[in-house]
Amino acid sequence: MATKKINMIAGLYNAFAFETITVGTTAVGFTTATYKTDTHTAQRAVVTIEDAGVRYRYDGTNPTSSVGHQLNPGDTLLVVGRGNLDNIKFIRSGTSDGKVVATYED
């Protein structure tokens, strides 16, 4: 049986911000000023990976290029919860920088 790709459902939450983050050899998280504004605080982020693989952790510890959950180009991650949005960090897993594309929703 062929594997079916699952698509996200858009519109259940209010999308209010978007950003693209370059992921290199230093762990990096979401931009706080983008997902926490005067009028909105994100409850979740819809993330896609572009260009190259990355690893991530959201337990408050930085990932390394060999430790953390692996994401590859085309993968989608749904990050839910303010604490997880604050704690998540990404790092590239290979020799090329990746891109994390995030839409923030409240």
PDB file of N, CA and C in Angstrom:
ATOM      1  N   MET A   1       0.844  -1.175   0.000  1.00  0.00           N
ATOM      2  CA  MET A   1       0.000   0.000   0.000  1.00  0.00           C
ATOM      3  C   MET A   1       0.890   1.239   0.000  1.00  0.00           C
ATOM      4  N   ALA A   2       0.579   2.202  -0.826  1.00  0.00           N
ATOM      5  CA  ALA A   2       1.352   3.437  -0.930  1.00  0.00           C
ATOM      6  C   ALA A   2       1.124   4.326   0.289  1.00  0.00           C
ATOM      7  N   THR A   3       2.167   5.046   0.682  1.00  0.00           N
ATOM      8  CA  THR A   3       2.060   5.994   1.789  1.00  0.00           C
ATOM      9  C   THR A   3       1.393   7.261   1.291  1.00  0.00           C
ATOM     10  N   LYS A   4       0.411   7.726   2.034  1.00  0.00           N
ATOM     11  CA  LYS A   4      -0.297   8.948   1.669  1.00  0.00           C
ATOM     12  C   LYS A   4       0.254  10.110   2.474  1.00  0.00           C
ATOM     13  N   LYS A   5       0.569  11.203   1.789  1.00  0.00           N
ATOM     14  CA  LYS A   5       1.061  12.402   2.463  1.00  0.00           C
ATOM     15  C   LYS A   5      -0.117  13.127   3.092  1.00  0.00           C
ATOM     16  N   ILE A   6       0.042  13.553   4.348  1.00  0.00           N
ATOM     17  CA  ILE A   6      -1.016  14.258   5.064  1.00  0.00           C
ATOM     18  C   ILE A   6      -0.817  15.757   4.898  1.00  0.00           C
ATOM     19  N   ASN A   7      -1.863  16.460   4.525  1.00  0.00           N
ATOM     20  CA  ASN A   7      -1.810  17.910   4.394  1.00  0.00           C
ATOM     21  C   ASN A   7      -2.381  18.551   5.647  1.00  0.00           C
ATOM     22  N   MET A   8      -1.914  19.746   5.959  1.00  0.00           N
ATOM     23  CA  MET A   8      -2.395  20.491   7.113  1.00  0.00           C
ATOM     24  C   MET A   8      -3.745  21.123   6.803  1.00  0.00           C
ATOM     25  N   ILE A   9      -4.534  21.326   7.820  1.00  0.00           N
ATOM     26  CA  ILE A   9      -5.792  22.048   7.693  1.00  0.00           C
ATOM     27  C   ILE A   9      -5.528  23.493   8.072  1.00  0.00           C
ATOM     28  N   ALA A  10      -5.752  24.399   7.149  1.00  0.00           N
ATOM     29  CA  ALA A  10      -5.553  25.822   7.415  1.00  0.00           C
ATOM     30  C   ALA A  10      -6.882  26.439   7.811  1.00  0.00           C
ATOM     31  N   GLY A  11      -6.844  27.397   8.720  1.00  0.00           N
ATOM     32  CA  GLY A  11      -8.036  28.149   9.060  1.00  0.00           C
ATOM     33  C   GLY A  11      -8.674  27.821  10.392  1.00  0.00           C
ATOM     34  N   LEU A  12      -8.182  26.812  11.105  1.00  0.00           N
ATOM     35  CA  LEU A  12      -8.738  26.511  12.422  1.00  0.00           C
ATOM     36  C   LEU A  12      -8.308  27.543  13.455  1.00  0.00           C
ATOM     37  N   TYR A  13      -7.139  28.118  13.236  1.00  0.00           N
ATOM     38  CA  TYR A  13      -6.594  29.147  14.104  1.00  0.00           C
ATOM     39  C   TYR A  13      -6.343  30.391  13.262  1.00  0.00           C
ATOM     40  N   ASN A  14      -6.137  31.524  13.904  1.00  0.00           N
ATOM     41  CA  ASN A  14      -5.872  32.774  13.218  1.00  0.00           C
ATOM     42  C   ASN A  14      -4.370  32.913  12.961  1.00  0.00           C
ATOM     43  N   ALA A  15      -3.969  32.864  11.695  1.00  0.00           N
ATOM     44  CA  ALA A  15      -2.569  33.095  11.343  1.00  0.00           C
ATOM     45  C   ALA A  15      -2.305  34.589  11.381  1.00  0.00           C
ATOM     46  N   PHE A  16      -1.261  35.004  12.107  1.00  0.00           N
ATOM     47  CA  PHE A  16      -1.001  36.434  12.233  1.00  0.00           C
ATOM     48  C   PHE A  16       0.439  36.832  11.918  1.00  0.00           C
ATOM     49  N   ALA A  17       1.350  35.882  11.789  1.00  0.00           N
ATOM     50  CA  ALA A  17       2.742  36.239  11.500  1.00  0.00           C
ATOM     51  C   ALA A  17       3.429  35.079  10.779  1.00  0.00           C
ATOM     52  N   PHE A  18       4.518  35.407  10.080  1.00  0.00           N
ATOM     53  CA  PHE A  18       5.259  34.454   9.260  1.00  0.00           C
ATOM     54  C   PHE A  18       6.728  34.851   9.307  1.00  0.00           C
ATOM     55  N   GLU A  19       7.610  33.858   9.301  1.00  0.00           N
ATOM     56  CA  GLU A  19       9.030  34.159   9.183  1.00  0.00           C
ATOM     57  C   GLU A  19       9.783  32.982   8.591  1.00  0.00           C
ATOM     58  N   THR A  20      10.930  33.296   8.009  1.00  0.00           N
ATOM     59  CA  THR A  20      11.866  32.290   7.513  1.00  0.00           C
ATOM     60  C   THR A  20      13.150  32.445   8.304  1.00  0.00           C
ATOM     61  N   ILE A  21      13.628  31.343   8.878  1.00  0.00           N
ATOM     62  CA  ILE A  21      14.823  31.353   9.717  1.00  0.00           C
ATOM     63  C   ILE A  21      15.888  30.494   9.053  1.00  0.00           C
ATOM     64  N   THR A  22      17.067  31.054   8.829  1.00  0.00           N
ATOM     65  CA  THR A  22      18.192  30.275   8.325  1.00  0.00           C
ATOM     66  C   THR A  22      18.792  29.500   9.493  1.00  0.00           C
ATOM     67  N   VAL A  23      18.984  28.212   9.290  1.00  0.00           N
ATOM     68  CA  VAL A  23      19.482  27.327  10.346  1.00  0.00           C
ATOM     69  C   VAL A  23      20.891  26.879   9.978  1.00  0.00           C
ATOM     70  N   GLY A  24      21.860  27.320  10.785  1.00  0.00           N
ATOM     71  CA  GLY A  24      23.257  26.989  10.539  1.00  0.00           C
ATOM     72  C   GLY A  24      23.828  26.120  11.630  1.00  0.00           C
ATOM     73  N   THR A  25      25.089  26.379  11.990  1.00  0.00           N
ATOM     74  CA  THR A  25      25.812  25.542  12.954  1.00  0.00           C
ATOM     75  C   THR A  25      25.594  25.954  14.399  1.00  0.00           C
ATOM     76  N   THR A  26      24.858  27.033  14.630  1.00  0.00           N
ATOM     77  CA  THR A  26      24.510  27.470  15.980  1.00  0.00           C
ATOM     78  C   THR A  26      23.007  27.293  16.164  1.00  0.00           C
ATOM     79  N   ALA A  27      22.595  26.691  17.271  1.00  0.00           N
ATOM     80  CA  ALA A  27      21.166  26.457  17.526  1.00  0.00           C
ATOM     81  C   ALA A  27      20.412  27.782  17.568  1.00  0.00           C
ATOM     82  N   VAL A  28      19.268  27.804  16.914  1.00  0.00           N
ATOM     83  CA  VAL A  28      18.458  29.019  16.822  1.00  0.00           C
ATOM     84  C   VAL A  28      16.986  28.651  16.995  1.00  0.00           C
ATOM     85  N   GLY A  29      16.239  29.564  17.626  1.00  0.00           N
ATOM     86  CA  GLY A  29      14.813  29.351  17.832  1.00  0.00           C
ATOM     87  C   GLY A  29      13.987  30.346  17.046  1.00  0.00           C
ATOM     88  N   PHE A  30      12.699  30.353  17.327  1.00  0.00           N
ATOM     89  CA  PHE A  30      11.799  31.312  16.710  1.00  0.00           C
ATOM     90  C   PHE A  30      12.129  32.717  17.223  1.00  0.00           C
ATOM     91  N   THR A  31      11.801  33.725  16.427  1.00  0.00           N
ATOM     92  CA  THR A  31      12.018  35.112  16.820  1.00  0.00           C
ATOM     93  C   THR A  31      10.886  35.555  17.737  1.00  0.00           C
ATOM     94  N   THR A  32      11.194  35.789  19.002  1.00  0.00           N
ATOM     95  CA  THR A  32      10.178  36.104  20.009  1.00  0.00           C
ATOM     96  C   THR A  32       9.307  37.277  19.597  1.00  0.00           C
ATOM     97  N   ALA A  33       9.896  38.330  19.085  1.00  0.00           N
ATOM     98  CA  ALA A  33       9.127  39.522  18.701  1.00  0.00           C
ATOM     99  C   ALA A  33       8.165  39.247  17.552  1.00  0.00           C
ATOM    100  N   THR A  34       8.370  38.154  16.837  1.00  0.00           N
ATOM    101  CA  THR A  34       7.470  37.804  15.731  1.00  0.00           C
ATOM    102  C   THR A  34       6.253  37.032  16.241  1.00  0.00           C
ATOM    103  N   TYR A  35       6.439  36.115  17.199  1.00  0.00           N
ATOM    104  CA  TYR A  35       5.302  35.322  17.669  1.00  0.00           C
ATOM    105  C   TYR A  35       4.665  35.841  18.962  1.00  0.00           C
ATOM    106  N   LYS A  36       5.272  36.862  19.572  1.00  0.00           N
ATOM    107  CA  LYS A  36       4.678  37.536  20.731  1.00  0.00           C
ATOM    108  C   LYS A  36       4.651  39.026  20.431  1.00  0.00           C
ATOM    109  N   THR A  37       3.482  39.543  20.092  1.00  0.00           N
ATOM    110  CA  THR A  37       3.354  40.960  19.753  1.00  0.00           C
ATOM    111  C   THR A  37       2.434  41.632  20.760  1.00  0.00           C
ATOM    112  N   ASP A  38       2.216  42.926  20.597  1.00  0.00           N
ATOM    113  CA  ASP A  38       1.293  43.653  21.475  1.00  0.00           C
ATOM    114  C   ASP A  38      -0.133  43.140  21.353  1.00  0.00           C
ATOM    115  N   THR A  39      -0.479  42.595  20.196  1.00  0.00           N
ATOM    116  CA  THR A  39      -1.862  42.163  19.953  1.00  0.00           C
ATOM    117  C   THR A  39      -2.044  40.658  19.837  1.00  0.00           C
ATOM    118  N   HIS A  40      -0.956  39.919  19.688  1.00  0.00           N
ATOM    119  CA  HIS A  40      -1.064  38.463  19.513  1.00  0.00           C
ATOM    120  C   HIS A  40       0.049  37.736  20.257  1.00  0.00           C
ATOM    121  N   THR A  41      -0.280  36.554  20.774  1.00  0.00           N
ATOM    122  CA  THR A  41       0.715  35.619  21.282  1.00  0.00           C
ATOM    123  C   THR A  41       0.389  34.257  20.687  1.00  0.00           C
ATOM    124  N   ALA A  42       1.334  33.704  19.969  1.00  0.00           N
ATOM    125  CA  ALA A  42       1.092  32.441  19.277  1.00  0.00           C
ATOM    126  C   ALA A  42       0.778  31.313  20.254  1.00  0.00           C
ATOM    127  N   GLN A  43      -0.149  30.479  19.852  1.00  0.00           N
ATOM    128  CA  GLN A  43      -0.479  29.243  20.557  1.00  0.00           C
ATOM    129  C   GLN A  43       0.183  28.053  19.878  1.00  0.00           C
ATOM    130  N   ARG A  44       0.468  28.243  18.572  1.00  0.00           N
ATOM    131  CA  ARG A  44       1.115  27.172  17.826  1.00  0.00           C
ATOM    132  C   ARG A  44       1.811  27.750  16.605  1.00  0.00           C
ATOM    133  N   ALA A  45       2.710  26.942  16.025  1.00  0.00           N
ATOM    134  CA  ALA A  45       3.417  27.314  14.807  1.00  0.00           C
ATOM    135  C   ALA A  45       3.370  26.137  13.842  1.00  0.00           C
ATOM    136  N   VAL A  46       3.064  26.433  12.604  1.00  0.00           N
ATOM    137  CA  VAL A  46       3.143  25.445  11.529  1.00  0.00           C
ATOM    138  C   VAL A  46       4.481  25.682  10.847  1.00  0.00           C
ATOM    139  N   VAL A  47       5.321  24.643  10.819  1.00  0.00           N
ATOM    140  CA  VAL A  47       6.697  24.766  10.351  1.00  0.00           C
ATOM    141  C   VAL A  47       6.924  23.826   9.175  1.00  0.00           C
ATOM    142  N   THR A  48       7.596  24.328   8.142  1.00  0.00           N
ATOM    143  CA  THR A  48       8.084  23.468   7.069  1.00  0.00           C
ATOM    144  C   THR A  48       9.590  23.668   6.947  1.00  0.00           C
ATOM    145  N   ILE A  49      10.246  22.645   6.420  1.00  0.00           N
ATOM    146  CA  ILE A  49      11.698  22.653   6.287  1.00  0.00           C
ATOM    147  C   ILE A  49      12.052  22.761   4.806  1.00  0.00           C
ATOM    148  N   GLU A  50      12.990  23.661   4.508  1.00  0.00           N
ATOM    149  CA  GLU A  50      13.438  23.846   3.129  1.00  0.00           C
ATOM    150  C   GLU A  50      14.955  23.730   3.051  1.00  0.00           C
ATOM    151  N   ASP A  51      15.449  23.398   1.905  1.00  0.00           N
ATOM    152  CA  ASP A  51      16.865  23.428   1.511  1.00  0.00           C
ATOM    153  C   ASP A  51      17.724  22.290   2.059  1.00  0.00           C
ATOM    154  N   ALA A  52      17.704  22.035   3.358  1.00  0.00           N
ATOM    155  CA  ALA A  52      18.584  21.009   3.933  1.00  0.00           C
ATOM    156  C   ALA A  52      18.010  20.533   5.268  1.00  0.00           C
ATOM    157  N   GLY A  53      18.456  19.371   5.722  1.00  0.00           N
ATOM    158  CA  GLY A  53      17.967  18.785   6.962  1.00  0.00           C
ATOM    159  C   GLY A  53      18.386  19.562   8.192  1.00  0.00           C
ATOM    160  N   VAL A  54      17.534  19.490   9.210  1.00  0.00           N
ATOM    161  CA  VAL A  54      17.810  20.120  10.499  1.00  0.00           C
ATOM    162  C   VAL A  54      17.445  19.138  11.613  1.00  0.00           C
ATOM    163  N   ARG A  55      17.936  19.417  12.793  1.00  0.00           N
ATOM    164  CA  ARG A  55      17.513  18.707  14.002  1.00  0.00           C
ATOM    165  C   ARG A  55      16.909  19.724  14.948  1.00  0.00           C
ATOM    166  N   TYR A  56      16.013  19.254  15.835  1.00  0.00           N
ATOM    167  CA  TYR A  56      15.412  20.175  16.796  1.00  0.00           C
ATOM    168  C   TYR A  56      15.197  19.489  18.127  1.00  0.00           C
ATOM    169  N   ARG A  57      15.152  20.324  19.159  1.00  0.00           N
ATOM    170  CA  ARG A  57      14.750  19.914  20.511  1.00  0.00           C
ATOM    171  C   ARG A  57      13.890  21.014  21.079  1.00  0.00           C
ATOM    172  N   TYR A  58      12.951  20.624  21.955  1.00  0.00           N
ATOM    173  CA  TYR A  58      12.098  21.632  22.593  1.00  0.00           C
ATOM    174  C   TYR A  58      11.981  21.401  24.091  1.00  0.00           C
ATOM    175  N   ASP A  59      12.977  20.730  24.650  1.00  0.00           N
ATOM    176  CA  ASP A  59      13.009  20.446  26.082  1.00  0.00           C
ATOM    177  C   ASP A  59      13.887  21.418  26.851  1.00  0.00           C
ATOM    178  N   GLY A  60      14.333  22.492  26.184  1.00  0.00           N
ATOM    179  CA  GLY A  60      15.180  23.486  26.835  1.00  0.00           C
ATOM    180  C   GLY A  60      16.661  23.240  26.641  1.00  0.00           C
ATOM    181  N   THR A  61      17.028  22.161  25.952  1.00  0.00           N
ATOM    182  CA  THR A  61      18.422  21.851  25.656  1.00  0.00           C
ATOM    183  C   THR A  61      18.664  22.037  24.165  1.00  0.00           C
ATOM    184  N   ASN A  62      19.785  22.617  23.803  1.00  0.00           N
ATOM    185  CA  ASN A  62      20.086  22.817  22.390  1.00  0.00           C
ATOM    186  C   ASN A  62      20.357  21.492  21.688  1.00  0.00           C
ATOM    187  N   PRO A  63      19.869  21.339  20.459  1.00  0.00           N
ATOM    188  CA  PRO A  63      20.224  20.158  19.669  1.00  0.00           C
ATOM    189  C   PRO A  63      21.660  20.298  19.168  1.00  0.00           C
ATOM    190  N   THR A  64      22.195  19.205  18.672  1.00  0.00           N
ATOM    191  CA  THR A  64      23.474  19.231  17.968  1.00  0.00           C
ATOM    192  C   THR A  64      23.230  18.679  16.563  1.00  0.00           C
ATOM    193  N   SER A  65      24.242  18.683  15.743  1.00  0.00           N
ATOM    194  CA  SER A  65      24.076  18.171  14.381  1.00  0.00           C
ATOM    195  C   SER A  65      23.779  16.678  14.354  1.00  0.00           C
ATOM    196  N   SER A  66      23.986  15.998  15.486  1.00  0.00           N
ATOM    197  CA  SER A  66      23.712  14.554  15.531  1.00  0.00           C
ATOM    198  C   SER A  66      22.729  14.138  16.625  1.00  0.00           C
ATOM    199  N   VAL A  67      22.262  15.077  17.452  1.00  0.00           N
ATOM    200  CA  VAL A  67      21.332  14.756  18.535  1.00  0.00           C
ATOM    201  C   VAL A  67      20.123  15.676  18.465  1.00  0.00           C
ATOM    202  N   GLY A  68      18.958  15.084  18.411  1.00  0.00           N
ATOM    203  CA  GLY A  68      17.702  15.814  18.320  1.00  0.00           C
ATOM    204  C   GLY A  68      16.813  15.147  17.292  1.00  0.00           C
ATOM    205  N   HIS A  69      15.588  15.596  17.214  1.00  0.00           N
ATOM    206  CA  HIS A  69      14.654  15.058  16.224  1.00  0.00           C
ATOM    207  C   HIS A  69      15.070  15.541  14.843  1.00  0.00           C
ATOM    208  N   GLN A  70      15.089  14.633  13.871  1.00  0.00           N
ATOM    209  CA  GLN A  70      15.512  14.964  12.509  1.00  0.00           C
ATOM    210  C   GLN A  70      14.323  15.417  11.665  1.00  0.00           C
ATOM    211  N   LEU A  71      14.504  16.500  10.931  1.00  0.00           N
ATOM    212  CA  LEU A  71      13.542  16.952   9.934  1.00  0.00           C
ATOM    213  C   LEU A  71      14.277  17.146   8.621  1.00  0.00           C
ATOM    214  N   ASN A  72      13.631  16.764   7.526  1.00  0.00           N
ATOM    215  CA  ASN A  72      14.231  16.877   6.204  1.00  0.00           C
ATOM    216  C   ASN A  72      13.414  17.814   5.328  1.00  0.00           C
ATOM    217  N   PRO A  73      13.998  18.319   4.241  1.00  0.00           N
ATOM    218  CA  PRO A  73      13.250  19.219   3.360  1.00  0.00           C
ATOM    219  C   PRO A  73      11.899  18.614   2.963  1.00  0.00           C
ATOM    220  N   GLY A  74      10.865  19.433   3.087  1.00  0.00           N
ATOM    221  CA  GLY A  74       9.508  18.991   2.788  1.00  0.00           C
ATOM    222  C   GLY A  74       8.733  18.525   4.002  1.00  0.00           C
ATOM    223  N   ASP A  75       9.423  18.265   5.112  1.00  0.00           N
ATOM    224  CA  ASP A  75       8.742  17.840   6.334  1.00  0.00           C
ATOM    225  C   ASP A  75       7.986  19.006   6.959  1.00  0.00           C
ATOM    226  N   THR A  76       6.893  18.676   7.645  1.00  0.00           N
ATOM    227  CA  THR A  76       6.081  19.656   8.358  1.00  0.00           C
ATOM    228  C   THR A  76       6.058  19.287   9.827  1.00  0.00           C
ATOM    229  N   LEU A  77       6.156  20.290  10.689  1.00  0.00           N
ATOM    230  CA  LEU A  77       6.108  20.118  12.138  1.00  0.00           C
ATOM    231  C   LEU A  77       5.088  21.094  12.699  1.00  0.00           C
ATOM    232  N   LEU A  78       4.240  20.635  13.582  1.00  0.00           N
ATOM    233  CA  LEU A  78       3.292  21.492  14.277  1.00  0.00           C
ATOM    234  C   LEU A  78       3.759  21.624  15.717  1.00  0.00           C
ATOM    235  N   VAL A  79       4.131  22.839  16.122  1.00  0.00           N
ATOM    236  CA  VAL A  79       4.606  23.106  17.476  1.00  0.00           C
ATOM    237  C   VAL A  79       3.459  23.757  18.233  1.00  0.00           C
ATOM    238  N   VAL A  80       3.016  23.116  19.328  1.00  0.00           N
ATOM    239  CA  VAL A  80       1.864  23.588  20.086  1.00  0.00           C
ATOM    240  C   VAL A  80       2.289  23.913  21.514  1.00  0.00           C
ATOM    241  N   GLY A  81       1.818  25.048  22.014  1.00  0.00           N
ATOM    242  CA  GLY A  81       2.075  25.431  23.401  1.00  0.00           C
ATOM    243  C   GLY A  81       3.123  26.516  23.511  1.00  0.00           C
ATOM    244  N   ARG A  82       2.837  27.498  24.354  1.00  0.00           N
ATOM    245  CA  ARG A  82       3.746  28.642  24.510  1.00  0.00           C
ATOM    246  C   ARG A  82       5.128  28.231  24.983  1.00  0.00           C
ATOM    247  N   GLY A  83       5.187  27.330  25.951  1.00  0.00           N
ATOM    248  CA  GLY A  83       6.489  26.870  26.445  1.00  0.00           C
ATOM    249  C   GLY A  83       7.308  26.208  25.361  1.00  0.00           C
ATOM    250  N   ASN A  84       6.672  25.400  24.533  1.00  0.00           N
ATOM    251  CA  ASN A  84       7.381  24.734  23.442  1.00  0.00           C
ATOM    252  C   ASN A  84       7.842  25.736  22.389  1.00  0.00           C
ATOM    253  N   LEU A  85       7.017  26.762  22.122  1.00  0.00           N
ATOM    254  CA  LEU A  85       7.418  27.813  21.183  1.00  0.00           C
ATOM    255  C   LEU A  85       8.640  28.567  21.714  1.00  0.00           C
ATOM    256  N   ASP A  86       8.680  28.789  23.018  1.00  0.00           N
ATOM    257  CA  ASP A  86       9.816  29.472  23.639  1.00  0.00           C
ATOM    258  C   ASP A  86      11.079  28.614  23.624  1.00  0.00           C
ATOM    259  N   ASN A  87      10.928  27.309  23.836  1.00  0.00           N
ATOM    260  CA  ASN A  87      12.070  26.419  24.030  1.00  0.00           C
ATOM    261  C   ASN A  87      12.655  25.809  22.768  1.00  0.00           C
ATOM    262  N   ILE A  88      11.885  25.725  21.691  1.00  0.00           N
ATOM    263  CA  ILE A  88      12.367  24.982  20.521  1.00  0.00           C
ATOM    264  C   ILE A  88      13.595  25.641  19.910  1.00  0.00           C
ATOM    265  N   LYS A  89      14.551  24.800  19.544  1.00  0.00           N
ATOM    266  CA  LYS A  89      15.780  25.249  18.889  1.00  0.00           C
ATOM    267  C   LYS A  89      16.073  24.294  17.737  1.00  0.00           C
ATOM    268  N   PHE A  90      16.619  24.862  16.650  1.00  0.00           N
ATOM    269  CA  PHE A  90      16.968  24.104  15.459  1.00  0.00           C
ATOM    270  C   PHE A  90      18.451  24.276  15.169  1.00  0.00           C
ATOM    271  N   ILE A  91      19.056  23.249  14.541  1.00  0.00           N
ATOM    272  CA  ILE A  91      20.436  23.324  14.086  1.00  0.00           C
ATOM    273  C   ILE A  91      20.532  22.492  12.817  1.00  0.00           C
ATOM    274  N   ARG A  92      21.420  22.856  11.910  1.00  0.00           N
ATOM    275  CA  ARG A  92      21.535  22.054  10.690  1.00  0.00           C
ATOM    276  C   ARG A  92      22.138  20.696  11.022  1.00  0.00           C
ATOM    277  N   SER A  93      21.766  19.685  10.237  1.00  0.00           N
ATOM    278  CA  SER A  93      22.254  18.330  10.517  1.00  0.00           C
ATOM    279  C   SER A  93      23.303  17.870   9.518  1.00  0.00           C
ATOM    280  N   GLY A  94      23.537  18.638   8.487  1.00  0.00           N
ATOM    281  CA  GLY A  94      24.539  18.277   7.489  1.00  0.00           C
ATOM    282  C   GLY A  94      25.502  19.414   7.256  1.00  0.00           C
ATOM    283  N   THR A  95      25.999  19.503   6.035  1.00  0.00           N
ATOM    284  CA  THR A  95      26.993  20.515   5.702  1.00  0.00           C
ATOM    285  C   THR A  95      26.388  21.791   5.121  1.00  0.00           C
ATOM    286  N   SER A  96      25.088  21.774   4.854  1.00  0.00           N
ATOM    287  CA  SER A  96      24.416  22.950   4.277  1.00  0.00           C
ATOM    288  C   SER A  96      23.403  23.520   5.251  1.00  0.00           C
ATOM    289  N   ASP A  97      23.258  24.848   5.232  1.00  0.00           N
ATOM    290  CA  ASP A  97      22.245  25.501   6.057  1.00  0.00           C
ATOM    291  C   ASP A  97      20.848  25.127   5.575  1.00  0.00           C
ATOM    292  N   GLY A  98      19.939  24.966   6.527  1.00  0.00           N
ATOM    293  CA  GLY A  98      18.542  24.715   6.213  1.00  0.00           C
ATOM    294  C   GLY A  98      17.729  25.976   6.433  1.00  0.00           C
ATOM    295  N   LYS A  99      16.467  25.890   6.108  1.00  0.00           N
ATOM    296  CA  LYS A  99      15.541  26.995   6.370  1.00  0.00           C
ATOM    297  C   LYS A  99      14.329  26.433   7.059  1.00  0.00           C
ATOM    298  N   VAL A 100      13.935  27.108   8.141  1.00  0.00           N
ATOM    299  CA  VAL A 100      12.689  26.822   8.849  1.00  0.00           C
ATOM    300  C   VAL A 100      11.715  27.925   8.463  1.00  0.00           C
ATOM    301  N   VAL A 101      10.583  27.548   7.913  1.00  0.00           N
ATOM    302  CA  VAL A 101       9.545  28.500   7.538  1.00  0.00           C
ATOM    303  C   VAL A 101       8.401  28.300   8.516  1.00  0.00           C
ATOM    304  N   ALA A 102       8.016  29.359   9.240  1.00  0.00           N
ATOM    305  CA  ALA A 102       7.013  29.239  10.299  1.00  0.00           C
ATOM    306  C   ALA A 102       5.870  30.232  10.111  1.00  0.00           C
ATOM    307  N   THR A 103       4.657  29.733  10.301  1.00  0.00           N
ATOM    308  CA  THR A 103       3.477  30.583  10.394  1.00  0.00           C
ATOM    309  C   THR A 103       2.959  30.456  11.811  1.00  0.00           C
ATOM    310  N   TYR A 104       2.755  31.598  12.470  1.00  0.00           N
ATOM    311  CA  TYR A 104       2.308  31.619  13.852  1.00  0.00           C
ATOM    312  C   TYR A 104       0.818  31.863  13.929  1.00  0.00           C
ATOM    313  N   GLU A 105       0.161  31.133  14.826  1.00  0.00           N
ATOM    314  CA  GLU A 105      -1.296  31.182  14.954  1.00  0.00           C
ATOM    315  C   GLU A 105      -1.696  31.370  16.411  1.00  0.00           C
ATOM    316  N   ASP A 106      -2.825  32.096  16.612  1.00  0.00           N
ATOM    317  CA  ASP A 106      -3.357  32.217  17.969  1.00  0.00           C
ATOM    318  C   ASP A 106      -4.809  31.786  18.000  1.00  0.00           C
TER     319      ASP A 106
END
